Amino acid sequence: MTVVRIPTQLRPLAGGAAEVTVEGRTVADVLAALETAHPGFAGRLHDEQGKLRRFVNVFVADEDIRFLDGVMTPVGPESTVSIVPAVAGG
């Protein structure tokens, strides 16, 4: 099972959990399984075209998926996927 780290703002969707486990072979699979297990994530993470929103960063083992294979980045059973909302400010 893949561990998904949930940011504070989204924890209410996961019953308050900071981490959940789901199955999947790619980041896309993991995010789909997350939505199935905890409805509401897809609307917060994806835009109307189904792509990750600009301000949502996803990491697999501390590597930004934008520099890997995007949502097609493979994950293993011992992988950790972190959802990190972008922080803006001045």
C-alpha atoms as a PDB file:
ATOM      1  CA  MET A   1       0.000   0.000   0.000  1.00  0.00           C
ATOM      2  CA  THR A   2       1.146   3.524  -0.717  1.00  0.00           C
ATOM      3  CA  VAL A   3       1.151   6.092   2.067  1.00  0.00           C
ATOM      4  CA  VAL A   4      -0.388   9.434   1.106  1.00  0.00           C
ATOM      5  CA  ARG A   5       0.505  12.424   3.266  1.00  0.00           C
ATOM      6  CA  ILE A   6      -2.433  14.812   3.536  1.00  0.00           C
ATOM      7  CA  PRO A   7      -1.906  18.556   4.077  1.00  0.00           C
ATOM      8  CA  THR A   8      -3.683  20.182   7.000  1.00  0.00           C
ATOM      9  CA  GLN A   9      -6.217  21.973   4.775  1.00  0.00           C
ATOM     10  CA  LEU A  10      -7.424  18.695   3.260  1.00  0.00           C
ATOM     11  CA  ARG A  11      -7.424  16.519   6.362  1.00  0.00           C
ATOM     12  CA  PRO A  12     -11.160  16.982   7.015  1.00  0.00           C
ATOM     13  CA  LEU A  13     -11.750  15.051   3.767  1.00  0.00           C
ATOM     14  CA  ALA A  14      -9.753  12.143   5.240  1.00  0.00           C
ATOM     15  CA  GLY A  15     -11.505  12.158   8.596  1.00  0.00           C
ATOM     16  CA  GLY A  16      -8.730  14.277  10.100  1.00  0.00           C
ATOM     17  CA  ALA A  17      -5.943  11.834   9.198  1.00  0.00           C
ATOM     18  CA  ALA A  18      -2.489  13.181   8.355  1.00  0.00           C
ATOM     19  CA  GLU A  19      -1.740  10.016   6.368  1.00  0.00           C
ATOM     20  CA  VAL A  20      -3.842   7.400   4.631  1.00  0.00           C
ATOM     21  CA  THR A  21      -2.908   4.296   2.676  1.00  0.00           C
ATOM     22  CA  VAL A  22      -4.260   3.376  -0.739  1.00  0.00           C
ATOM     23  CA  GLU A  23      -3.231   1.106  -3.598  1.00  0.00           C
ATOM     24  CA  GLY A  24      -2.002   2.190  -6.983  1.00  0.00           C
ATOM     25  CA  ARG A  25       0.768   1.691  -9.504  1.00  0.00           C
ATOM     26  CA  THR A  26       1.029   5.347 -10.568  1.00  0.00           C
ATOM     27  CA  VAL A  27       0.345   8.708  -8.955  1.00  0.00           C
ATOM     28  CA  ALA A  28      -2.845   8.896 -11.050  1.00  0.00           C
ATOM     29  CA  ASP A  29      -3.977   5.532  -9.619  1.00  0.00           C
ATOM     30  CA  VAL A  30      -3.143   6.650  -6.080  1.00  0.00           C
ATOM     31  CA  LEU A  31      -5.093   9.906  -6.453  1.00  0.00           C
ATOM     32  CA  ALA A  32      -8.068   8.028  -7.933  1.00  0.00           C
ATOM     33  CA  ALA A  33      -7.970   5.543  -5.040  1.00  0.00           C
ATOM     34  CA  LEU A  34      -7.759   8.456  -2.607  1.00  0.00           C
ATOM     35  CA  GLU A  35     -10.921   9.932  -4.126  1.00  0.00           C
ATOM     36  CA  THR A  36     -12.682   6.564  -3.926  1.00  0.00           C
ATOM     37  CA  ALA A  37     -11.730   6.065  -0.284  1.00  0.00           C
ATOM     38  CA  HIS A  38     -12.295   9.695   0.727  1.00  0.00           C
ATOM     39  CA  PRO A  39     -14.645  11.518  -1.669  1.00  0.00           C
ATOM     40  CA  GLY A  40     -13.945  15.200  -2.226  1.00  0.00           C
ATOM     41  CA  PHE A  41     -10.246  15.087  -3.013  1.00  0.00           C
ATOM     42  CA  ALA A  42     -10.658  15.104  -6.806  1.00  0.00           C
ATOM     43  CA  GLY A  43     -12.482  18.442  -6.783  1.00  0.00           C
ATOM     44  CA  ARG A  44      -9.792  20.004  -4.638  1.00  0.00           C
ATOM     45  CA  LEU A  45      -6.809  18.538  -6.523  1.00  0.00           C
ATOM     46  CA  HIS A  46      -7.967  18.552 -10.166  1.00  0.00           C
ATOM     47  CA  ASP A  47      -9.301  21.250 -12.482  1.00  0.00           C
ATOM     48  CA  GLU A  48     -12.282  20.916 -14.826  1.00  0.00           C
ATOM     49  CA  GLN A  49     -10.135  19.089 -17.404  1.00  0.00           C
ATOM     50  CA  GLY A  50      -8.987  16.539 -14.831  1.00  0.00           C
ATOM     51  CA  LYS A  51      -5.438  17.899 -14.610  1.00  0.00           C
ATOM     52  CA  LEU A  52      -3.734  18.680 -11.324  1.00  0.00           C
ATOM     53  CA  ARG A  53      -4.366  22.257 -10.321  1.00  0.00           C
ATOM     54  CA  ARG A  54      -1.405  24.643 -10.675  1.00  0.00           C
ATOM     55  CA  PHE A  55      -1.144  25.210  -6.947  1.00  0.00           C
ATOM     56  CA  VAL A  56      -1.099  21.506  -6.052  1.00  0.00           C
ATOM     57  CA  ASN A  57       2.347  19.944  -5.801  1.00  0.00           C
ATOM     58  CA  VAL A  58       2.722  16.190  -5.549  1.00  0.00           C
ATOM     59  CA  PHE A  59       5.898  14.432  -4.491  1.00  0.00           C
ATOM     60  CA  VAL A  60       6.905  10.778  -4.592  1.00  0.00           C
ATOM     61  CA  ALA A  61       9.717  10.028  -2.173  1.00  0.00           C
ATOM     62  CA  ASP A  62      10.521  13.767  -1.952  1.00  0.00           C
ATOM     63  CA  GLU A  63      10.753  14.109  -5.765  1.00  0.00           C
ATOM     64  CA  ASP A  64       8.387  16.559  -7.470  1.00  0.00           C
ATOM     65  CA  ILE A  65       6.363  14.618 -10.056  1.00  0.00           C
ATOM     66  CA  ARG A  66       6.603  17.593 -12.448  1.00  0.00           C
ATOM     67  CA  PHE A  67      10.250  16.601 -12.932  1.00  0.00           C
ATOM     68  CA  LEU A  68       9.447  12.897 -13.228  1.00  0.00           C
ATOM     69  CA  ASP A  69       6.584  11.442 -15.299  1.00  0.00           C
ATOM     70  CA  GLY A  70       3.817  13.646 -13.905  1.00  0.00           C
ATOM     71  CA  VAL A  71       0.776  11.711 -12.744  1.00  0.00           C
ATOM     72  CA  MET A  72       2.120   8.686 -14.618  1.00  0.00           C
ATOM     73  CA  THR A  73       5.050   8.508 -12.182  1.00  0.00           C
ATOM     74  CA  PRO A  74       5.195   4.945 -10.874  1.00  0.00           C
ATOM     75  CA  VAL A  75       4.778   4.236  -7.186  1.00  0.00           C
ATOM     76  CA  GLY A  76       5.683   1.091  -5.324  1.00  0.00           C
ATOM     77  CA  PRO A  77       4.065  -0.549  -2.332  1.00  0.00           C
ATOM     78  CA  GLU A  78       6.521   1.192  -0.008  1.00  0.00           C
ATOM     79  CA  SER A  79       6.230   4.625  -1.653  1.00  0.00           C
ATOM     80  CA  THR A  80       5.112   7.796   0.053  1.00  0.00           C
ATOM     81  CA  VAL A  81       3.107  10.336  -1.932  1.00  0.00           C
ATOM     82  CA  SER A  82       2.912  13.820  -0.451  1.00  0.00           C
ATOM     83  CA  ILE A  83       0.307  16.378  -1.477  1.00  0.00           C
ATOM     84  CA  VAL A  84       1.697  19.854  -0.863  1.00  0.00           C
ATOM     85  CA  PRO A  85      -0.339  22.970  -1.666  1.00  0.00           C
ATOM     86  CA  ALA A  86       1.727  25.843  -3.026  1.00  0.00           C
ATOM     87  CA  VAL A  87       2.431  28.649  -0.584  1.00  0.00           C
ATOM     88  CA  ALA A  88       2.334  32.218  -1.797  1.00  0.00           C
ATOM     89  CA  GLY A  89       3.196  35.376  -0.015  1.00  0.00           C
ATOM     90  CA  GLY A  90       5.613  38.181   0.146  1.00  0.00           C
END
